[in-house]
Amino acid sequence: MDLERMNIKEYFKDEIQNKRIILLGRKSQIEISHFLNISDLLIMESLTEGFPTSMVEAIGCGKNVVTTNVSGAKYMVVNGKNGYIVKARDPQVFAKKSSMD
């Protein structure tokens, strides 16, 4: 298990134990499309990203995106319309922007 996944599991330990958060791991393209279509939004807090395919897929499914300013984000996300681009990887900022007024 990589360090980032271990950190995520530790940070959300209570939520995972109480089944409020489920970490699904790697999924097929069909499974991803099903999850996207039942989701409210996509959160992408990458430090760096090549072409963000998952962002394109989420926007294509009509989902809002809350993301850091990774490659391509400024061309796809219109703040307040289909999501937000946040400057810091701060969980409070992501949570606030995820509520999309």
PDB file of N, CA and C in Angstrom:
ATOM      1  N   MET A   1       0.859  -1.177   0.000  1.00  0.00           N
ATOM      2  CA  MET A   1       0.000   0.000   0.000  1.00  0.00           C
ATOM      3  C   MET A   1       0.903   1.237   0.000  1.00  0.00           C
ATOM      4  N   ASP A   2       0.593   2.182  -0.879  1.00  0.00           N
ATOM      5  CA  ASP A   2       1.454   3.361  -0.956  1.00  0.00           C
ATOM      6  C   ASP A   2       1.198   4.315   0.210  1.00  0.00           C
ATOM      7  N   LEU A   3       2.160   5.189   0.442  1.00  0.00           N
ATOM      8  CA  LEU A   3       2.121   6.105   1.588  1.00  0.00           C
ATOM      9  C   LEU A   3       0.906   7.028   1.553  1.00  0.00           C
ATOM     10  N   GLU A   4       0.571   7.550   0.383  1.00  0.00           N
ATOM     11  CA  GLU A   4      -0.578   8.470   0.278  1.00  0.00           C
ATOM     12  C   GLU A   4      -1.875   7.769   0.668  1.00  0.00           C
ATOM     13  N   ARG A   5      -2.074   6.531   0.208  1.00  0.00           N
ATOM     14  CA  ARG A   5      -3.288   5.780   0.570  1.00  0.00           C
ATOM     15  C   ARG A   5      -3.320   5.504   2.076  1.00  0.00           C
ATOM     16  N   MET A   6      -2.171   5.176   2.656  1.00  0.00           N
ATOM     17  CA  MET A   6      -2.115   4.951   4.108  1.00  0.00           C
ATOM     18  C   MET A   6      -2.478   6.227   4.862  1.00  0.00           C
ATOM     19  N   ASN A   7      -1.986   7.366   4.393  1.00  0.00           N
ATOM     20  CA  ASN A   7      -2.312   8.649   5.025  1.00  0.00           C
ATOM     21  C   ASN A   7      -3.804   8.950   4.924  1.00  0.00           C
ATOM     22  N   ILE A   8      -4.391   8.665   3.776  1.00  0.00           N
ATOM     23  CA  ILE A   8      -5.832   8.886   3.591  1.00  0.00           C
ATOM     24  C   ILE A   8      -6.622   7.993   4.538  1.00  0.00           C
ATOM     25  N   LYS A   9      -6.238   6.724   4.614  1.00  0.00           N
ATOM     26  CA  LYS A   9      -6.945   5.793   5.507  1.00  0.00           C
ATOM     27  C   LYS A   9      -6.846   6.225   6.961  1.00  0.00           C
ATOM     28  N   GLU A  10      -5.684   6.709   7.372  1.00  0.00           N
ATOM     29  CA  GLU A  10      -5.513   7.172   8.748  1.00  0.00           C
ATOM     30  C   GLU A  10      -6.351   8.419   9.004  1.00  0.00           C
ATOM     31  N   TYR A  11      -6.325   9.370   8.077  1.00  0.00           N
ATOM     32  CA  TYR A  11      -7.058  10.623   8.245  1.00  0.00           C
ATOM     33  C   TYR A  11      -8.569  10.377   8.363  1.00  0.00           C
ATOM     34  N   PHE A  12      -9.102   9.427   7.585  1.00  0.00           N
ATOM     35  CA  PHE A  12     -10.534   9.155   7.566  1.00  0.00           C
ATOM     36  C   PHE A  12     -10.910   7.900   8.350  1.00  0.00           C
ATOM     37  N   LYS A  13     -10.054   7.489   9.286  1.00  0.00           N
ATOM     38  CA  LYS A  13     -10.244   6.239  10.014  1.00  0.00           C
ATOM     39  C   LYS A  13     -11.658   6.095  10.587  1.00  0.00           C
ATOM     40  N   ASP A  14     -12.147   7.102  11.299  1.00  0.00           N
ATOM     41  CA  ASP A  14     -13.482   7.021  11.912  1.00  0.00           C
ATOM     42  C   ASP A  14     -14.581   6.922  10.861  1.00  0.00           C
ATOM     43  N   GLU A  15     -14.456   7.717   9.799  1.00  0.00           N
ATOM     44  CA  GLU A  15     -15.475   7.703   8.747  1.00  0.00           C
ATOM     45  C   GLU A  15     -15.500   6.359   8.022  1.00  0.00           C
ATOM     46  N   ILE A  16     -14.330   5.759   7.829  1.00  0.00           N
ATOM     47  CA  ILE A  16     -14.249   4.448   7.186  1.00  0.00           C
ATOM     48  C   ILE A  16     -14.862   3.381   8.092  1.00  0.00           C
ATOM     49  N   GLN A  17     -14.527   3.412   9.391  1.00  0.00           N
ATOM     50  CA  GLN A  17     -15.082   2.435  10.327  1.00  0.00           C
ATOM     51  C   GLN A  17     -16.600   2.547  10.423  1.00  0.00           C
ATOM     52  N   ASN A  18     -17.119   3.767  10.315  1.00  0.00           N
ATOM     53  CA  ASN A  18     -18.569   3.986  10.404  1.00  0.00           C
ATOM     54  C   ASN A  18     -19.259   3.954   9.046  1.00  0.00           C
ATOM     55  N   LYS A  19     -18.522   3.540   8.007  1.00  0.00           N
ATOM     56  CA  LYS A  19     -19.055   3.362   6.650  1.00  0.00           C
ATOM     57  C   LYS A  19     -19.605   4.646   6.036  1.00  0.00           C
ATOM     58  N   ARG A  20     -19.076   5.814   6.468  1.00  0.00           N
ATOM     59  CA  ARG A  20     -19.464   7.073   5.831  1.00  0.00           C
ATOM     60  C   ARG A  20     -18.591   7.353   4.620  1.00  0.00           C
ATOM     61  N   ILE A  21     -17.414   6.738   4.593  1.00  0.00           N
ATOM     62  CA  ILE A  21     -16.495   6.828   3.456  1.00  0.00           C
ATOM     63  C   ILE A  21     -16.054   5.416   3.111  1.00  0.00           C
ATOM     64  N   ILE A  22     -16.061   5.108   1.820  1.00  0.00           N
ATOM     65  CA  ILE A  22     -15.594   3.815   1.342  1.00  0.00           C
ATOM     66  C   ILE A  22     -14.506   4.081   0.309  1.00  0.00           C
ATOM     67  N   LEU A  23     -13.319   3.549   0.534  1.00  0.00           N
ATOM     68  CA  LEU A  23     -12.234   3.663  -0.439  1.00  0.00           C
ATOM     69  C   LEU A  23     -12.323   2.457  -1.365  1.00  0.00           C
ATOM     70  N   LEU A  24     -12.613   2.704  -2.610  1.00  0.00           N
ATOM     71  CA  LEU A  24     -12.903   1.629  -3.549  1.00  0.00           C
ATOM     72  C   LEU A  24     -11.687   1.046  -4.243  1.00  0.00           C
ATOM     73  N   GLY A  25     -10.619   1.807  -4.350  1.00  0.00           N
ATOM     74  CA  GLY A  25      -9.455   1.301  -5.073  1.00  0.00           C
ATOM     75  C   GLY A  25      -9.667   1.351  -6.573  1.00  0.00           C
ATOM     76  N   ARG A  26      -8.853   0.627  -7.312  1.00  0.00           N
ATOM     77  CA  ARG A  26      -8.889   0.629  -8.772  1.00  0.00           C
ATOM     78  C   ARG A  26     -10.179  -0.006  -9.288  1.00  0.00           C
ATOM     79  N   LYS A  27     -10.804   0.647 -10.276  1.00  0.00           N
ATOM     80  CA  LYS A  27     -12.057   0.166 -10.863  1.00  0.00           C
ATOM     81  C   LYS A  27     -11.967   0.169 -12.382  1.00  0.00           C
ATOM     82  N   SER A  28     -12.818  -0.630 -13.030  1.00  0.00           N
ATOM     83  CA  SER A  28     -12.874  -0.674 -14.495  1.00  0.00           C
ATOM     84  C   SER A  28     -13.559   0.594 -15.014  1.00  0.00           C
ATOM     85  N   GLN A  29     -13.436   0.833 -16.325  1.00  0.00           N
ATOM     86  CA  GLN A  29     -14.072   2.018 -16.919  1.00  0.00           C
ATOM     87  C   GLN A  29     -15.590   1.992 -16.745  1.00  0.00           C
ATOM     88  N   ILE A  30     -16.196   0.847 -16.888  1.00  0.00           N
ATOM     89  CA  ILE A  30     -17.649   0.723 -16.709  1.00  0.00           C
ATOM     90  C   ILE A  30     -18.024   1.048 -15.266  1.00  0.00           C
ATOM     91  N   GLU A  31     -17.293   0.509 -14.313  1.00  0.00           N
ATOM     92  CA  GLU A  31     -17.564   0.799 -12.899  1.00  0.00           C
ATOM     93  C   GLU A  31     -17.387   2.282 -12.604  1.00  0.00           C
ATOM     94  N   ILE A  32     -16.359   2.880 -13.178  1.00  0.00           N
ATOM     95  CA  ILE A  32     -16.122   4.311 -12.973  1.00  0.00           C
ATOM     96  C   ILE A  32     -17.293   5.128 -13.484  1.00  0.00           C
ATOM     97  N   SER A  33     -17.810   4.797 -14.660  1.00  0.00           N
ATOM     98  CA  SER A  33     -18.949   5.559 -15.204  1.00  0.00           C
ATOM     99  C   SER A  33     -20.176   5.426 -14.307  1.00  0.00           C
ATOM    100  N   HIS A  34     -20.399   4.254 -13.742  1.00  0.00           N
ATOM    101  CA  HIS A  34     -21.529   4.081 -12.815  1.00  0.00           C
ATOM    102  C   HIS A  34     -21.345   4.945 -11.567  1.00  0.00           C
ATOM    103  N   PHE A  35     -20.144   4.927 -10.994  1.00  0.00           N
ATOM    104  CA  PHE A  35     -19.883   5.733  -9.801  1.00  0.00           C
ATOM    105  C   PHE A  35     -19.989   7.221 -10.095  1.00  0.00           C
ATOM    106  N   LEU A  36     -19.474   7.657 -11.231  1.00  0.00           N
ATOM    107  CA  LEU A  36     -19.583   9.073 -11.594  1.00  0.00           C
ATOM    108  C   LEU A  36     -21.039   9.509 -11.691  1.00  0.00           C
ATOM    109  N   ASN A  37     -21.856   8.669 -12.295  1.00  0.00           N
ATOM    110  CA  ASN A  37     -23.249   9.046 -12.514  1.00  0.00           C
ATOM    111  C   ASN A  37     -24.097   9.044 -11.249  1.00  0.00           C
ATOM    112  N   ILE A  38     -23.627   8.393 -10.184  1.00  0.00           N
ATOM    113  CA  ILE A  38     -24.373   8.462  -8.920  1.00  0.00           C
ATOM    114  C   ILE A  38     -23.726   9.431  -7.937  1.00  0.00           C
ATOM    115  N   SER A  39     -22.622  10.060  -8.365  1.00  0.00           N
ATOM    116  CA  SER A  39     -21.897  10.995  -7.493  1.00  0.00           C
ATOM    117  C   SER A  39     -22.426  12.408  -7.633  1.00  0.00           C
ATOM    118  N   ASP A  40     -22.150  13.212  -6.625  1.00  0.00           N
ATOM    119  CA  ASP A  40     -22.510  14.624  -6.671  1.00  0.00           C
ATOM    120  C   ASP A  40     -21.411  15.461  -7.322  1.00  0.00           C
ATOM    121  N   LEU A  41     -20.160  15.084  -7.091  1.00  0.00           N
ATOM    122  CA  LEU A  41     -19.038  15.862  -7.624  1.00  0.00           C
ATOM    123  C   LEU A  41     -17.774  15.034  -7.614  1.00  0.00           C
ATOM    124  N   LEU A  42     -16.735  15.581  -8.268  1.00  0.00           N
ATOM    125  CA  LEU A  42     -15.409  14.979  -8.264  1.00  0.00           C
ATOM    126  C   LEU A  42     -14.471  15.916  -7.529  1.00  0.00           C
ATOM    127  N   ILE A  43     -13.715  15.375  -6.601  1.00  0.00           N
ATOM    128  CA  ILE A  43     -12.679  16.149  -5.915  1.00  0.00           C
ATOM    129  C   ILE A  43     -11.338  15.627  -6.409  1.00  0.00           C
ATOM    130  N   MET A  44     -10.521  16.540  -6.938  1.00  0.00           N
ATOM    131  CA  MET A  44      -9.196  16.179  -7.426  1.00  0.00           C
ATOM    132  C   MET A  44      -8.187  17.098  -6.755  1.00  0.00           C
ATOM    133  N   GLU A  45      -7.413  16.539  -5.842  1.00  0.00           N
ATOM    134  CA  GLU A  45      -6.452  17.378  -5.130  1.00  0.00           C
ATOM    135  C   GLU A  45      -5.023  16.993  -5.462  1.00  0.00           C
ATOM    136  N   SER A  46      -4.796  16.697  -6.718  1.00  0.00           N
ATOM    137  CA  SER A  46      -3.462  16.313  -7.160  1.00  0.00           C
ATOM    138  C   SER A  46      -2.475  17.458  -7.036  1.00  0.00           C
ATOM    139  N   LEU A  47      -1.225  17.103  -6.803  1.00  0.00           N
ATOM    140  CA  LEU A  47      -0.151  18.095  -6.855  1.00  0.00           C
ATOM    141  C   LEU A  47       0.228  18.365  -8.302  1.00  0.00           C
ATOM    142  N   THR A  48       0.333  17.311  -9.081  1.00  0.00           N
ATOM    143  CA  THR A  48       0.594  17.414 -10.513  1.00  0.00           C
ATOM    144  C   THR A  48      -0.284  16.399 -11.221  1.00  0.00           C
ATOM    145  N   GLU A  49      -0.532  16.645 -12.465  1.00  0.00           N
ATOM    146  CA  GLU A  49      -1.408  15.769 -13.236  1.00  0.00           C
ATOM    147  C   GLU A  49      -1.027  15.936 -14.695  1.00  0.00           C
ATOM    148  N   GLY A  50      -1.019  14.857 -15.440  1.00  0.00           N
ATOM    149  CA  GLY A  50      -0.880  14.970 -16.884  1.00  0.00           C
ATOM    150  C   GLY A  50      -2.201  15.529 -17.394  1.00  0.00           C
ATOM    151  N   PHE A  51      -2.736  14.995 -18.444  1.00  0.00           N
ATOM    152  CA  PHE A  51      -4.065  15.405 -18.880  1.00  0.00           C
ATOM    153  C   PHE A  51      -5.075  14.755 -17.942  1.00  0.00           C
ATOM    154  N   PRO A  52      -5.879  15.544 -17.238  1.00  0.00           N
ATOM    155  CA  PRO A  52      -6.768  14.999 -16.202  1.00  0.00           C
ATOM    156  C   PRO A  52      -8.036  14.349 -16.784  1.00  0.00           C
ATOM    157  N   THR A  53      -7.885  13.128 -17.264  1.00  0.00           N
ATOM    158  CA  THR A  53      -8.988  12.405 -17.887  1.00  0.00           C
ATOM    159  C   THR A  53     -10.187  12.277 -16.957  1.00  0.00           C
ATOM    160  N   SER A  54      -9.936  12.027 -15.677  1.00  0.00           N
ATOM    161  CA  SER A  54     -11.057  11.863 -14.744  1.00  0.00           C
ATOM    162  C   SER A  54     -11.869  13.156 -14.634  1.00  0.00           C
ATOM    163  N   MET A  55     -11.221  14.297 -14.771  1.00  0.00           N
ATOM    164  CA  MET A  55     -11.930  15.574 -14.738  1.00  0.00           C
ATOM    165  C   MET A  55     -12.812  15.719 -15.982  1.00  0.00           C
ATOM    166  N   VAL A  56     -12.279  15.355 -17.130  1.00  0.00           N
ATOM    167  CA  VAL A  56     -13.050  15.401 -18.375  1.00  0.00           C
ATOM    168  C   VAL A  56     -14.265  14.478 -18.266  1.00  0.00           C
ATOM    169  N   GLU A  57     -14.050  13.280 -17.732  1.00  0.00           N
ATOM    170  CA  GLU A  57     -15.148  12.317 -17.583  1.00  0.00           C
ATOM    171  C   GLU A  57     -16.224  12.861 -16.651  1.00  0.00           C
ATOM    172  N   ALA A  58     -15.823  13.434 -15.525  1.00  0.00           N
ATOM    173  CA  ALA A  58     -16.794  13.965 -14.561  1.00  0.00           C
ATOM    174  C   ALA A  58     -17.597  15.112 -15.179  1.00  0.00           C
ATOM    175  N   ILE A  59     -16.919  16.050 -15.830  1.00  0.00           N
ATOM    176  CA  ILE A  59     -17.614  17.174 -16.458  1.00  0.00           C
ATOM    177  C   ILE A  59     -18.531  16.671 -17.565  1.00  0.00           C
ATOM    178  N   GLY A  60     -18.058  15.660 -18.308  1.00  0.00           N
ATOM    179  CA  GLY A  60     -18.888  15.050 -19.351  1.00  0.00           C
ATOM    180  C   GLY A  60     -20.153  14.415 -18.807  1.00  0.00           C
ATOM    181  N   CYS A  61     -20.102  13.966 -17.559  1.00  0.00           N
ATOM    182  CA  CYS A  61     -21.280  13.380 -16.897  1.00  0.00           C
ATOM    183  C   CYS A  61     -22.103  14.449 -16.182  1.00  0.00           C
ATOM    184  N   GLY A  62     -21.725  15.720 -16.356  1.00  0.00           N
ATOM    185  CA  GLY A  62     -22.477  16.811 -15.740  1.00  0.00           C
ATOM    186  C   GLY A  62     -22.192  17.013 -14.266  1.00  0.00           C
ATOM    187  N   LYS A  63     -21.036  16.534 -13.795  1.00  0.00           N
ATOM    188  CA  LYS A  63     -20.698  16.655 -12.376  1.00  0.00           C
ATOM    189  C   LYS A  63     -19.830  17.875 -12.135  1.00  0.00           C
ATOM    190  N   ASN A  64     -19.996  18.489 -10.994  1.00  0.00           N
ATOM    191  CA  ASN A  64     -19.134  19.591 -10.577  1.00  0.00           C
ATOM    192  C   ASN A  64     -17.780  19.026 -10.163  1.00  0.00           C
ATOM    193  N   VAL A  65     -16.746  19.858 -10.286  1.00  0.00           N
ATOM    194  CA  VAL A  65     -15.384  19.453  -9.959  1.00  0.00           C
ATOM    195  C   VAL A  65     -14.785  20.472  -9.006  1.00  0.00           C
ATOM    196  N   VAL A  66     -14.182  19.988  -7.934  1.00  0.00           N
ATOM    197  CA  VAL A  66     -13.390  20.837  -7.050  1.00  0.00           C
ATOM    198  C   VAL A  66     -11.972  20.300  -7.178  1.00  0.00           C
ATOM    199  N   THR A  67     -11.052  21.154  -7.629  1.00  0.00           N
ATOM    200  CA  THR A  67      -9.723  20.697  -7.980  1.00  0.00           C
ATOM    201  C   THR A  67      -8.652  21.723  -7.639  1.00  0.00           C
ATOM    202  N   THR A  68      -7.442  21.238  -7.506  1.00  0.00           N
ATOM    203  CA  THR A  68      -6.297  22.140  -7.465  1.00  0.00           C
ATOM    204  C   THR A  68      -6.039  22.571  -8.908  1.00  0.00           C
ATOM    205  N   ASN A  69      -5.154  23.519  -9.098  1.00  0.00           N
ATOM    206  CA  ASN A  69      -4.892  24.045 -10.435  1.00  0.00           C
ATOM    207  C   ASN A  69      -3.932  23.138 -11.199  1.00  0.00           C
ATOM    208  N   VAL A  70      -4.380  21.914 -11.462  1.00  0.00           N
ATOM    209  CA  VAL A  70      -3.573  20.969 -12.222  1.00  0.00           C
ATOM    210  C   VAL A  70      -3.724  21.259 -13.710  1.00  0.00           C
ATOM    211  N   SER A  71      -2.895  20.620 -14.497  1.00  0.00           N
ATOM    212  CA  SER A  71      -2.888  20.819 -15.943  1.00  0.00           C
ATOM    213  C   SER A  71      -4.294  20.723 -16.536  1.00  0.00           C
ATOM    214  N   GLY A  72      -4.699  21.743 -17.236  1.00  0.00           N
ATOM    215  CA  GLY A  72      -5.981  21.735 -17.929  1.00  0.00           C
ATOM    216  C   GLY A  72      -7.168  22.211 -17.116  1.00  0.00           C
ATOM    217  N   ALA A  73      -7.042  22.279 -15.798  1.00  0.00           N
ATOM    218  CA  ALA A  73      -8.177  22.651 -14.949  1.00  0.00           C
ATOM    219  C   ALA A  73      -8.742  24.015 -15.337  1.00  0.00           C
ATOM    220  N   LYS A  74      -7.863  24.987 -15.572  1.00  0.00           N
ATOM    221  CA  LYS A  74      -8.338  26.344 -15.871  1.00  0.00           C
ATOM    222  C   LYS A  74      -9.088  26.412 -17.194  1.00  0.00           C
ATOM    223  N   TYR A  75      -8.945  25.405 -18.049  1.00  0.00           N
ATOM    224  CA  TYR A  75      -9.668  25.375 -19.314  1.00  0.00           C
ATOM    225  C   TYR A  75     -11.001  24.644 -19.210  1.00  0.00           C
ATOM    226  N   MET A  76     -11.173  23.871 -18.145  1.00  0.00           N
ATOM    227  CA  MET A  76     -12.390  23.062 -18.011  1.00  0.00           C
ATOM    228  C   MET A  76     -13.317  23.517 -16.897  1.00  0.00           C
ATOM    229  N   VAL A  77     -12.764  24.079 -15.831  1.00  0.00           N
ATOM    230  CA  VAL A  77     -13.569  24.431 -14.663  1.00  0.00           C
ATOM    231  C   VAL A  77     -13.802  25.937 -14.646  1.00  0.00           C
ATOM    232  N   VAL A  78     -15.079  26.310 -14.638  1.00  0.00           N
ATOM    233  CA  VAL A  78     -15.467  27.714 -14.525  1.00  0.00           C
ATOM    234  C   VAL A  78     -15.948  27.911 -13.090  1.00  0.00           C
ATOM    235  N   ASN A  79     -15.155  28.631 -12.292  1.00  0.00           N
ATOM    236  CA  ASN A  79     -15.468  28.812 -10.874  1.00  0.00           C
ATOM    237  C   ASN A  79     -16.909  29.260 -10.666  1.00  0.00           C
ATOM    238  N   GLY A  80     -17.621  28.499  -9.836  1.00  0.00           N
ATOM    239  CA  GLY A  80     -18.998  28.820  -9.512  1.00  0.00           C
ATOM    240  C   GLY A  80     -20.013  28.276 -10.496  1.00  0.00           C
ATOM    241  N   LYS A  81     -19.592  27.819 -11.652  1.00  0.00           N
ATOM    242  CA  LYS A  81     -20.513  27.275 -12.672  1.00  0.00           C
ATOM    243  C   LYS A  81     -20.500  25.747 -12.657  1.00  0.00           C
ATOM    244  N   ASN A  82     -19.324  25.156 -12.848  1.00  0.00           N
ATOM    245  CA  ASN A  82     -19.227  23.694 -12.860  1.00  0.00           C
ATOM    246  C   ASN A  82     -18.179  23.189 -11.867  1.00  0.00           C
ATOM    247  N   GLY A  83     -17.840  24.056 -10.915  1.00  0.00           N
ATOM    248  CA  GLY A  83     -16.887  23.659  -9.886  1.00  0.00           C
ATOM    249  C   GLY A  83     -16.041  24.817  -9.421  1.00  0.00           C
ATOM    250  N   TYR A  84     -14.919  24.459  -8.796  1.00  0.00           N
ATOM    251  CA  TYR A  84     -13.987  25.461  -8.282  1.00  0.00           C
ATOM    252  C   TYR A  84     -12.566  24.948  -8.413  1.00  0.00           C
ATOM    253  N   ILE A  85     -11.665  25.878  -8.667  1.00  0.00           N
ATOM    254  CA  ILE A  85     -10.239  25.596  -8.602  1.00  0.00           C
ATOM    255  C   ILE A  85      -9.741  26.227  -7.313  1.00  0.00           C
ATOM    256  N   VAL A  86      -9.167  25.406  -6.445  1.00  0.00           N
ATOM    257  CA  VAL A  86      -8.673  25.907  -5.162  1.00  0.00           C
ATOM    258  C   VAL A  86      -7.151  25.970  -5.196  1.00  0.00           C
ATOM    259  N   LYS A  87      -6.600  26.901  -4.430  1.00  0.00           N
ATOM    260  CA  LYS A  87      -5.151  27.122  -4.455  1.00  0.00           C
ATOM    261  C   LYS A  87      -4.389  26.143  -3.567  1.00  0.00           C
ATOM    262  N   ALA A  88      -4.941  25.777  -2.433  1.00  0.00           N
ATOM    263  CA  ALA A  88      -4.218  24.944  -1.464  1.00  0.00           C
ATOM    264  C   ALA A  88      -4.892  23.586  -1.314  1.00  0.00           C
ATOM    265  N   ARG A  89      -4.115  22.602  -0.917  1.00  0.00           N
ATOM    266  CA  ARG A  89      -4.658  21.269  -0.633  1.00  0.00           C
ATOM    267  C   ARG A  89      -5.124  21.230   0.817  1.00  0.00           C
ATOM    268  N   ASP A  90      -6.076  22.088   1.132  1.00  0.00           N
ATOM    269  CA  ASP A  90      -6.590  22.230   2.490  1.00  0.00           C
ATOM    270  C   ASP A  90      -7.971  21.565   2.557  1.00  0.00           C
ATOM    271  N   PRO A  91      -8.138  20.531   3.393  1.00  0.00           N
ATOM    272  CA  PRO A  91      -9.421  19.833   3.463  1.00  0.00           C
ATOM    273  C   PRO A  91     -10.600  20.755   3.753  1.00  0.00           C
ATOM    274  N   GLN A  92     -10.400  21.805   4.565  1.00  0.00           N
ATOM    275  CA  GLN A  92     -11.485  22.742   4.879  1.00  0.00           C
ATOM    276  C   GLN A  92     -11.927  23.509   3.635  1.00  0.00           C
ATOM    277  N   VAL A  93     -10.967  23.904   2.820  1.00  0.00           N
ATOM    278  CA  VAL A  93     -11.286  24.635   1.588  1.00  0.00           C
ATOM    279  C   VAL A  93     -12.030  23.720   0.624  1.00  0.00           C
ATOM    280  N   PHE A  94     -11.561  22.485   0.473  1.00  0.00           N
ATOM    281  CA  PHE A  94     -12.250  21.534  -0.405  1.00  0.00           C
ATOM    282  C   PHE A  94     -13.679  21.289   0.083  1.00  0.00           C
ATOM    283  N   ALA A  95     -13.856  21.113   1.383  1.00  0.00           N
ATOM    284  CA  ALA A  95     -15.190  20.864   1.942  1.00  0.00           C
ATOM    285  C   ALA A  95     -16.113  22.056   1.691  1.00  0.00           C
ATOM    286  N   LYS A  96     -15.612  23.257   1.907  1.00  0.00           N
ATOM    287  CA  LYS A  96     -16.420  24.465   1.705  1.00  0.00           C
ATOM    288  C   LYS A  96     -16.832  24.593   0.242  1.00  0.00           C
ATOM    289  N   LYS A  97     -15.899  24.415  -0.675  1.00  0.00           N
ATOM    290  CA  LYS A  97     -16.200  24.550  -2.094  1.00  0.00           C
ATOM    291  C   LYS A  97     -17.054  23.402  -2.595  1.00  0.00           C
ATOM    292  N   SER A  98     -16.973  22.241  -1.952  1.00  0.00           N
ATOM    293  CA  SER A  98     -17.760  21.089  -2.375  1.00  0.00           C
ATOM    294  C   SER A  98     -19.238  21.263  -2.125  1.00  0.00           C
ATOM    295  N   SER A  99     -19.612  22.201  -1.264  1.00  0.00           N
ATOM    296  CA  SER A  99     -21.036  22.401  -0.975  1.00  0.00           C
ATOM    297  C   SER A  99     -21.726  23.218  -2.049  1.00  0.00           C
ATOM    298  N   MET A 100     -20.983  23.783  -3.000  1.00  0.00           N
ATOM    299  CA  MET A 100     -21.492  24.493  -4.193  1.00  0.00           C
ATOM    300  C   MET A 100     -22.839  25.185  -3.955  1.00  0.00           C
ATOM    301  N   ASP A 101     -22.810  26.395  -3.506  1.00  0.00           N
ATOM    302  CA  ASP A 101     -24.042  27.164  -3.226  1.00  0.00           C
ATOM    303  C   ASP A 101     -24.990  27.157  -4.381  1.00  0.00           C
TER     304      ASP A 101
END
